[in-house]
C-alpha cells in the first residue's frame, strides 16, 4: 500500500494515482514476492534542502530522498519500506529542462526513490547499471517516454 501525502506548501497539478502505480510497479518489478507499505511525500525545495542538510550533510536542495525503514506492522505483519520525499518544484524544473511532462519526471523520481528503499544504489558502476535497468523496465511498463539518466 502506498500512502501519498502532499505538503500544504505546494499545489501539484498531477494525477496522484499515477505515482501510486509507479511505486507499486517498482516494488512488483524489483521484489515481486513482497507486500509492503511505503509513504511518498510531495513537498517543496525548502523541505528537501533541510532534510539533505540534516541527514546527508549536503547544504542544497535535491529532487528526491529516500529513508528506508526496518519496521513490520505488528497487526498486519506488513513490512514498512520507508519514505520517499520528492521536491515538486524541482521535478517541475527538471521536466521543463528535459522537455517532458512533470508527471513523467515524478514517475522517474518515485521509481528511483522506491528502488533505494528496496536496497538499490548507484555508487558503483555495476550497481548503477543494475538500478538503471530496473528503472528502465518499470518506465517501459508504465508507458513513460523517459529513460533513466
N, C-alpha and C. Protein backbone atom coordinates (compact mmCIF):
# COMPACT_ATOMS: atom_id res chain seq x y z
N UNK A 1 0.83 -1.18 0.00
CA UNK A 1 0.00 0.00 0.00
C UNK A 1 0.88 1.25 0.00
N UNK A 2 0.48 2.21 -0.79
CA UNK A 2 1.22 3.46 -0.88
C UNK A 2 0.41 4.56 -0.21
N UNK A 3 1.05 5.24 0.72
CA UNK A 3 0.44 6.38 1.40
C UNK A 3 1.00 7.64 0.74
N UNK A 4 0.16 8.33 -0.03
CA UNK A 4 0.59 9.56 -0.71
C UNK A 4 0.21 10.77 0.12
N UNK A 5 1.19 11.63 0.34
CA UNK A 5 0.95 12.85 1.09
C UNK A 5 1.44 14.04 0.27
N UNK A 6 0.72 15.13 0.38
CA UNK A 6 1.09 16.36 -0.33
C UNK A 6 1.20 17.47 0.71
N UNK A 7 2.36 18.10 0.75
CA UNK A 7 2.58 19.21 1.67
C UNK A 7 1.65 20.36 1.33
N UNK A 8 1.24 21.10 2.34
CA UNK A 8 0.37 22.25 2.09
C UNK A 8 1.13 23.44 1.49
N UNK A 9 2.44 23.28 1.28
CA UNK A 9 3.24 24.35 0.68
C UNK A 9 3.26 24.28 -0.85
N UNK A 10 2.66 23.23 -1.41
CA UNK A 10 2.63 23.08 -2.87
C UNK A 10 1.22 22.74 -3.32
N UNK A 11 0.98 22.92 -4.62
CA UNK A 11 -0.31 22.57 -5.21
C UNK A 11 -0.04 21.83 -6.52
N UNK A 12 0.26 20.54 -6.41
CA UNK A 12 0.61 19.80 -7.63
C UNK A 12 -0.61 19.58 -8.52
N UNK A 13 -0.40 19.77 -9.80
CA UNK A 13 -1.45 19.54 -10.78
C UNK A 13 -1.14 18.24 -11.50
N UNK A 14 -1.15 17.14 -10.75
CA UNK A 14 -0.82 15.84 -11.32
C UNK A 14 -1.79 14.78 -10.78
N UNK A 15 -1.84 13.67 -11.49
CA UNK A 15 -2.65 12.52 -11.07
C UNK A 15 -1.85 11.74 -10.04
N UNK A 16 -2.24 11.85 -8.79
CA UNK A 16 -1.51 11.18 -7.71
C UNK A 16 -1.60 9.66 -7.82
N UNK A 17 -2.67 9.15 -8.42
CA UNK A 17 -2.78 7.70 -8.61
C UNK A 17 -1.70 7.19 -9.55
N UNK A 18 -1.26 8.04 -10.47
CA UNK A 18 -0.18 7.66 -11.38
C UNK A 18 1.10 7.41 -10.58
N UNK A 19 1.33 8.19 -9.54
CA UNK A 19 2.52 8.00 -8.71
C UNK A 19 2.39 6.72 -7.89
N UNK A 20 1.20 6.43 -7.44
CA UNK A 20 0.96 5.19 -6.71
C UNK A 20 1.22 3.99 -7.62
N UNK A 21 0.76 4.07 -8.87
CA UNK A 21 1.01 2.99 -9.83
C UNK A 21 2.50 2.81 -10.06
N UNK A 22 3.24 3.91 -10.15
CA UNK A 22 4.69 3.83 -10.35
C UNK A 22 5.37 3.14 -9.17
N UNK A 23 4.95 3.48 -7.96
CA UNK A 23 5.53 2.85 -6.77
C UNK A 23 5.22 1.36 -6.73
N UNK A 24 3.97 1.00 -6.98
CA UNK A 24 3.59 -0.41 -6.97
C UNK A 24 4.29 -1.20 -8.07
N UNK A 25 4.40 -0.62 -9.26
CA UNK A 25 5.09 -1.30 -10.35
C UNK A 25 6.56 -1.52 -10.02
N UNK A 26 7.16 -0.57 -9.32
CA UNK A 26 8.57 -0.71 -8.93
C UNK A 26 8.76 -1.85 -7.95
N UNK A 27 7.91 -1.90 -6.93
CA UNK A 27 8.01 -2.99 -5.95
C UNK A 27 7.78 -4.33 -6.65
N UNK A 28 6.78 -4.40 -7.53
CA UNK A 28 6.48 -5.65 -8.23
C UNK A 28 7.61 -6.09 -9.14
N UNK A 29 8.29 -5.15 -9.76
CA UNK A 29 9.40 -5.49 -10.66
C UNK A 29 10.65 -5.89 -9.88
N UNK A 30 10.96 -5.14 -8.84
CA UNK A 30 12.22 -5.35 -8.13
C UNK A 30 12.14 -6.44 -7.06
N UNK A 31 10.98 -6.57 -6.43
CA UNK A 31 10.80 -7.55 -5.35
C UNK A 31 9.38 -8.12 -5.42
N UNK A 32 9.10 -8.91 -6.45
CA UNK A 32 7.72 -9.36 -6.67
C UNK A 32 7.12 -10.21 -5.55
N UNK A 33 7.96 -10.76 -4.70
CA UNK A 33 7.44 -11.65 -3.66
C UNK A 33 7.02 -10.92 -2.39
N UNK A 34 7.24 -9.61 -2.31
CA UNK A 34 6.90 -8.92 -1.07
C UNK A 34 5.64 -8.06 -1.22
N UNK A 35 4.94 -7.95 -0.13
CA UNK A 35 3.85 -6.99 0.02
C UNK A 35 4.31 -6.03 1.09
N UNK A 36 4.30 -4.76 0.77
CA UNK A 36 4.85 -3.78 1.72
C UNK A 36 4.10 -2.47 1.63
N UNK A 37 4.35 -1.64 2.62
CA UNK A 37 3.80 -0.29 2.65
C UNK A 37 4.93 0.72 2.56
N UNK A 38 4.62 1.88 2.01
CA UNK A 38 5.58 2.98 1.94
C UNK A 38 4.82 4.29 1.85
N UNK A 39 5.54 5.36 2.11
CA UNK A 39 4.96 6.70 2.02
C UNK A 39 5.71 7.51 0.98
N UNK A 40 4.96 8.26 0.19
CA UNK A 40 5.53 9.22 -0.75
C UNK A 40 5.02 10.59 -0.34
N UNK A 41 5.93 11.51 -0.11
CA UNK A 41 5.58 12.89 0.24
C UNK A 41 6.04 13.82 -0.87
N UNK A 42 5.10 14.57 -1.44
CA UNK A 42 5.44 15.64 -2.38
C UNK A 42 5.52 16.92 -1.56
N UNK A 43 6.64 17.61 -1.66
CA UNK A 43 6.82 18.81 -0.87
C UNK A 43 7.62 19.84 -1.67
N UNK A 44 8.25 20.77 -0.99
CA UNK A 44 8.96 21.85 -1.67
C UNK A 44 10.48 21.73 -1.50
N UNK A 45 11.20 22.61 -2.19
CA UNK A 45 12.66 22.62 -2.12
C UNK A 45 13.18 22.87 -0.71
N UNK A 46 12.48 23.73 0.04
CA UNK A 46 12.95 24.03 1.41
C UNK A 46 13.02 22.77 2.26
N UNK A 47 12.00 21.92 2.17
CA UNK A 47 11.98 20.69 2.97
C UNK A 47 13.10 19.74 2.53
N UNK A 48 13.29 19.60 1.21
CA UNK A 48 14.36 18.72 0.73
C UNK A 48 15.73 19.26 1.11
N UNK A 49 15.88 20.58 1.08
CA UNK A 49 17.14 21.21 1.49
C UNK A 49 17.41 20.90 2.96
N UNK A 50 16.40 21.09 3.78
CA UNK A 50 16.52 20.84 5.22
C UNK A 50 16.90 19.38 5.50
N UNK A 51 16.22 18.45 4.85
CA UNK A 51 16.50 17.02 5.07
C UNK A 51 17.86 16.62 4.52
N UNK A 52 18.21 17.15 3.35
CA UNK A 52 19.50 16.85 2.74
C UNK A 52 20.64 17.31 3.65
N UNK A 53 20.47 18.48 4.23
CA UNK A 53 21.49 19.02 5.14
C UNK A 53 21.56 18.20 6.42
N UNK A 54 20.41 17.89 6.99
CA UNK A 54 20.37 17.17 8.27
C UNK A 54 20.89 15.75 8.16
N UNK A 55 20.50 15.02 7.12
CA UNK A 55 20.83 13.60 7.05
C UNK A 55 22.02 13.26 6.18
N UNK A 56 22.29 14.07 5.15
CA UNK A 56 23.40 13.77 4.25
C UNK A 56 24.51 14.82 4.32
N UNK A 57 24.29 15.85 5.14
CA UNK A 57 25.26 16.93 5.29
C UNK A 57 25.58 17.61 3.97
N UNK A 58 24.55 17.73 3.12
CA UNK A 58 24.66 18.44 1.85
C UNK A 58 23.76 19.67 1.96
N UNK A 59 24.37 20.85 1.89
CA UNK A 59 23.65 22.10 2.11
C UNK A 59 23.05 22.62 0.80
N UNK A 60 22.12 21.83 0.24
CA UNK A 60 21.47 22.20 -1.01
C UNK A 60 20.20 21.36 -1.15
N UNK A 61 19.23 21.87 -1.89
CA UNK A 61 18.05 21.04 -2.14
C UNK A 61 18.39 19.93 -3.14
N UNK A 62 17.55 18.95 -3.22
CA UNK A 62 17.71 17.87 -4.19
C UNK A 62 16.32 17.47 -4.68
N UNK A 63 16.26 16.58 -5.64
CA UNK A 63 14.96 16.21 -6.20
C UNK A 63 14.24 15.13 -5.41
N UNK A 64 14.97 14.14 -4.90
CA UNK A 64 14.33 13.04 -4.18
C UNK A 64 15.27 12.50 -3.11
N UNK A 65 14.69 12.16 -1.98
CA UNK A 65 15.41 11.50 -0.89
C UNK A 65 14.60 10.29 -0.46
N UNK A 66 15.30 9.24 -0.09
CA UNK A 66 14.66 8.02 0.41
C UNK A 66 15.16 7.72 1.80
N UNK A 67 14.24 7.34 2.66
CA UNK A 67 14.58 6.98 4.03
C UNK A 67 14.04 5.58 4.30
N UNK A 68 14.89 4.57 4.08
CA UNK A 68 14.46 3.19 4.33
C UNK A 68 14.11 2.97 5.80
N UNK A 69 13.17 2.09 6.02
CA UNK A 69 12.77 1.74 7.38
C UNK A 69 12.86 0.23 7.55
N UNK A 70 13.10 -0.18 8.75
CA UNK A 70 13.13 -1.61 9.07
C UNK A 70 12.06 -1.84 10.12
N UNK A 71 10.82 -1.89 9.64
CA UNK A 71 9.69 -1.95 10.55
C UNK A 71 8.62 -2.87 9.97
N UNK A 72 8.02 -3.68 10.81
CA UNK A 72 6.90 -4.52 10.40
C UNK A 72 5.72 -4.18 11.29
N UNK A 73 4.59 -3.86 10.66
CA UNK A 73 3.38 -3.57 11.41
C UNK A 73 2.97 -4.82 12.19
N UNK A 74 2.91 -4.73 13.51
CA UNK A 74 2.60 -5.93 14.29
C UNK A 74 1.18 -6.46 14.07
N UNK A 75 0.26 -5.60 13.66
CA UNK A 75 -1.11 -6.05 13.43
C UNK A 75 -1.26 -6.76 12.08
N UNK A 76 -0.76 -6.12 11.03
CA UNK A 76 -0.91 -6.69 9.69
C UNK A 76 0.27 -7.55 9.27
N UNK A 77 1.37 -7.45 10.01
CA UNK A 77 2.63 -8.13 9.67
C UNK A 77 3.15 -7.70 8.30
N UNK A 78 2.79 -6.49 7.89
CA UNK A 78 3.24 -5.95 6.62
C UNK A 78 4.49 -5.12 6.84
N UNK A 79 5.55 -5.38 6.07
CA UNK A 79 6.76 -4.56 6.21
C UNK A 79 6.51 -3.13 5.75
N UNK A 80 7.11 -2.19 6.45
CA UNK A 80 7.08 -0.79 6.04
C UNK A 80 8.44 -0.49 5.43
N UNK A 81 8.46 -0.19 4.12
CA UNK A 81 9.73 0.05 3.42
C UNK A 81 10.38 1.36 3.80
N UNK A 82 9.58 2.41 4.01
CA UNK A 82 10.14 3.71 4.34
C UNK A 82 9.44 4.83 3.60
N UNK A 83 10.14 5.96 3.52
CA UNK A 83 9.58 7.19 2.96
C UNK A 83 10.38 7.66 1.75
N UNK A 84 9.66 8.10 0.73
CA UNK A 84 10.26 8.75 -0.44
C UNK A 84 9.75 10.19 -0.42
N UNK A 85 10.67 11.14 -0.40
CA UNK A 85 10.29 12.55 -0.32
C UNK A 85 10.78 13.24 -1.59
N UNK A 86 9.86 13.90 -2.27
CA UNK A 86 10.14 14.47 -3.59
C UNK A 86 9.84 15.97 -3.57
N UNK A 87 10.75 16.74 -4.16
CA UNK A 87 10.53 18.17 -4.34
C UNK A 87 9.73 18.38 -5.62
N UNK A 88 8.48 18.80 -5.47
CA UNK A 88 7.65 19.05 -6.65
C UNK A 88 8.20 20.19 -7.51
N UNK A 89 8.63 21.32 -6.92
CA UNK A 89 9.21 22.37 -7.76
C UNK A 89 10.45 21.90 -8.53
N UNK A 90 11.27 21.08 -7.89
CA UNK A 90 12.47 20.56 -8.56
C UNK A 90 12.06 19.65 -9.71
N UNK A 91 11.03 18.83 -9.50
CA UNK A 91 10.53 17.96 -10.56
C UNK A 91 10.01 18.79 -11.73
N UNK A 92 9.32 19.89 -11.43
CA UNK A 92 8.83 20.78 -12.49
C UNK A 92 9.99 21.35 -13.30
N UNK A 93 11.02 21.82 -12.60
CA UNK A 93 12.19 22.39 -13.28
C UNK A 93 12.88 21.35 -14.15
N UNK A 94 13.07 20.16 -13.63
CA UNK A 94 13.76 19.11 -14.38
C UNK A 94 12.93 18.66 -15.59
N UNK A 95 11.61 18.63 -15.44
CA UNK A 95 10.75 18.27 -16.56
C UNK A 95 10.84 19.33 -17.66
N UNK A 96 10.80 20.58 -17.25
CA UNK A 96 10.90 21.66 -18.23
C UNK A 96 12.25 21.62 -18.95
N UNK A 97 13.32 21.43 -18.19
CA UNK A 97 14.66 21.37 -18.78
C UNK A 97 14.80 20.17 -19.72
N UNK A 98 14.12 19.07 -19.39
CA UNK A 98 14.21 17.86 -20.20
C UNK A 98 13.20 17.81 -21.33
N UNK A 99 12.29 18.79 -21.37
CA UNK A 99 11.30 18.84 -22.44
C UNK A 99 10.22 17.77 -22.33
N UNK A 100 9.86 17.41 -21.10
CA UNK A 100 8.80 16.42 -20.91
C UNK A 100 7.85 16.87 -19.81
N UNK A 101 6.81 16.11 -19.61
CA UNK A 101 5.77 16.46 -18.64
C UNK A 101 6.25 16.20 -17.21
N UNK A 102 5.74 16.98 -16.28
CA UNK A 102 6.11 16.82 -14.88
C UNK A 102 5.67 15.45 -14.36
N UNK A 103 4.57 14.91 -14.88
CA UNK A 103 4.13 13.58 -14.46
C UNK A 103 5.18 12.53 -14.76
N UNK A 104 5.82 12.64 -15.91
CA UNK A 104 6.87 11.68 -16.27
C UNK A 104 8.07 11.82 -15.35
N UNK A 105 8.43 13.03 -15.03
CA UNK A 105 9.55 13.27 -14.11
C UNK A 105 9.24 12.71 -12.73
N UNK A 106 8.02 12.93 -12.27
CA UNK A 106 7.63 12.41 -10.96
C UNK A 106 7.63 10.89 -10.94
N UNK A 107 7.19 10.27 -12.02
CA UNK A 107 7.25 8.80 -12.10
C UNK A 107 8.69 8.33 -11.92
N UNK A 108 9.61 8.95 -12.65
CA UNK A 108 11.02 8.56 -12.55
C UNK A 108 11.53 8.74 -11.12
N UNK A 109 11.19 9.84 -10.49
CA UNK A 109 11.65 10.10 -9.13
C UNK A 109 11.05 9.11 -8.13
N UNK A 110 9.78 8.75 -8.32
CA UNK A 110 9.16 7.74 -7.46
C UNK A 110 9.87 6.41 -7.63
N UNK A 111 10.07 5.99 -8.87
CA UNK A 111 10.74 4.72 -9.14
C UNK A 111 12.13 4.72 -8.50
N UNK A 112 12.87 5.77 -8.73
CA UNK A 112 14.23 5.89 -8.19
C UNK A 112 14.21 5.80 -6.66
N UNK A 113 13.31 6.55 -6.05
CA UNK A 113 13.23 6.55 -4.59
C UNK A 113 12.83 5.22 -4.02
N UNK A 114 11.86 4.56 -4.63
CA UNK A 114 11.41 3.26 -4.14
C UNK A 114 12.52 2.23 -4.29
N UNK A 115 13.27 2.29 -5.37
CA UNK A 115 14.39 1.35 -5.53
C UNK A 115 15.41 1.53 -4.41
N UNK A 116 15.65 2.76 -4.00
CA UNK A 116 16.54 2.97 -2.85
C UNK A 116 15.96 2.32 -1.59
N UNK A 117 14.65 2.41 -1.40
CA UNK A 117 14.03 1.75 -0.25
C UNK A 117 14.23 0.24 -0.29
N UNK A 118 14.30 -0.29 -1.51
CA UNK A 118 14.46 -1.74 -1.69
C UNK A 118 15.92 -2.18 -1.67
N UNK A 119 16.82 -1.23 -1.41
CA UNK A 119 18.23 -1.58 -1.28
C UNK A 119 19.10 -1.32 -2.49
N UNK A 120 18.53 -0.79 -3.56
CA UNK A 120 19.32 -0.47 -4.75
C UNK A 120 20.11 0.80 -4.50
N UNK A 121 21.25 0.90 -5.19
CA UNK A 121 22.08 2.10 -5.08
C UNK A 121 22.82 2.30 -6.38
N UNK A 122 23.47 3.43 -6.52
CA UNK A 122 24.20 3.74 -7.75
C UNK A 122 25.57 4.33 -7.44
N UNK A 123 26.19 3.81 -6.39
CA UNK A 123 27.52 4.32 -6.03
C UNK A 123 28.62 3.73 -6.90
N UNK A 124 28.46 2.51 -7.36
CA UNK A 124 29.44 1.90 -8.25
C UNK A 124 28.81 1.67 -9.62
N UNK A 125 29.64 1.48 -10.62
CA UNK A 125 29.13 1.32 -11.99
C UNK A 125 28.22 0.10 -12.14
N UNK A 126 28.58 -1.01 -11.50
CA UNK A 126 27.77 -2.22 -11.61
C UNK A 126 26.40 -2.02 -10.93
N UNK A 127 26.43 -1.44 -9.73
CA UNK A 127 25.17 -1.16 -9.02
C UNK A 127 24.31 -0.18 -9.81
N UNK A 128 24.95 0.83 -10.36
CA UNK A 128 24.23 1.84 -11.14
C UNK A 128 23.57 1.20 -12.36
N UNK A 129 24.31 0.35 -13.06
CA UNK A 129 23.76 -0.30 -14.25
C UNK A 129 22.54 -1.16 -13.90
N UNK A 130 22.63 -1.87 -12.76
CA UNK A 130 21.51 -2.70 -12.33
C UNK A 130 20.29 -1.83 -11.97
N UNK A 131 20.53 -0.76 -11.23
CA UNK A 131 19.43 0.12 -10.82
C UNK A 131 18.79 0.78 -12.03
N UNK A 132 19.61 1.25 -12.95
CA UNK A 132 19.09 1.92 -14.15
C UNK A 132 18.29 0.95 -15.01
N UNK A 133 18.71 -0.32 -15.06
CA UNK A 133 17.99 -1.32 -15.84
C UNK A 133 16.60 -1.56 -15.26
N UNK A 134 16.50 -1.64 -13.95
CA UNK A 134 15.18 -1.81 -13.32
C UNK A 134 14.33 -0.58 -13.57
N UNK A 135 14.91 0.61 -13.42
CA UNK A 135 14.17 1.84 -13.69
C UNK A 135 13.63 1.83 -15.12
N UNK A 136 14.46 1.43 -16.07
CA UNK A 136 14.05 1.41 -17.47
C UNK A 136 12.89 0.44 -17.69
N UNK A 137 12.94 -0.72 -17.06
CA UNK A 137 11.86 -1.70 -17.21
C UNK A 137 10.54 -1.16 -16.64
N UNK A 138 10.61 -0.53 -15.48
CA UNK A 138 9.39 0.00 -14.88
C UNK A 138 8.84 1.16 -15.71
N UNK A 139 9.71 2.03 -16.16
CA UNK A 139 9.26 3.14 -17.01
C UNK A 139 8.57 2.62 -18.26
N UNK A 140 9.14 1.57 -18.87
CA UNK A 140 8.54 0.98 -20.06
C UNK A 140 7.17 0.37 -19.74
N UNK A 141 7.06 -0.31 -18.61
CA UNK A 141 5.77 -0.89 -18.19
C UNK A 141 4.70 0.19 -18.05
N UNK A 142 5.11 1.35 -17.56
CA UNK A 142 4.17 2.46 -17.34
C UNK A 142 3.89 3.26 -18.61
N UNK A 143 4.60 2.93 -19.70
CA UNK A 143 4.43 3.66 -20.94
C UNK A 143 5.05 5.04 -20.92
N UNK A 144 6.04 5.22 -20.07
CA UNK A 144 6.70 6.53 -19.94
C UNK A 144 7.62 6.79 -21.13
N UNK A 145 7.70 8.05 -21.57
CA UNK A 145 8.63 8.40 -22.64
C UNK A 145 10.07 8.54 -22.15
N UNK A 146 10.29 8.46 -20.84
CA UNK A 146 11.62 8.68 -20.28
C UNK A 146 12.42 7.40 -20.20
N UNK A 147 13.72 7.60 -20.08
CA UNK A 147 14.63 6.51 -19.73
C UNK A 147 15.52 7.05 -18.62
N UNK A 148 16.12 6.16 -17.83
CA UNK A 148 16.97 6.65 -16.73
C UNK A 148 18.08 7.56 -17.24
N UNK A 149 18.50 8.50 -16.40
CA UNK A 149 19.54 9.45 -16.83
C UNK A 149 20.84 8.77 -17.18
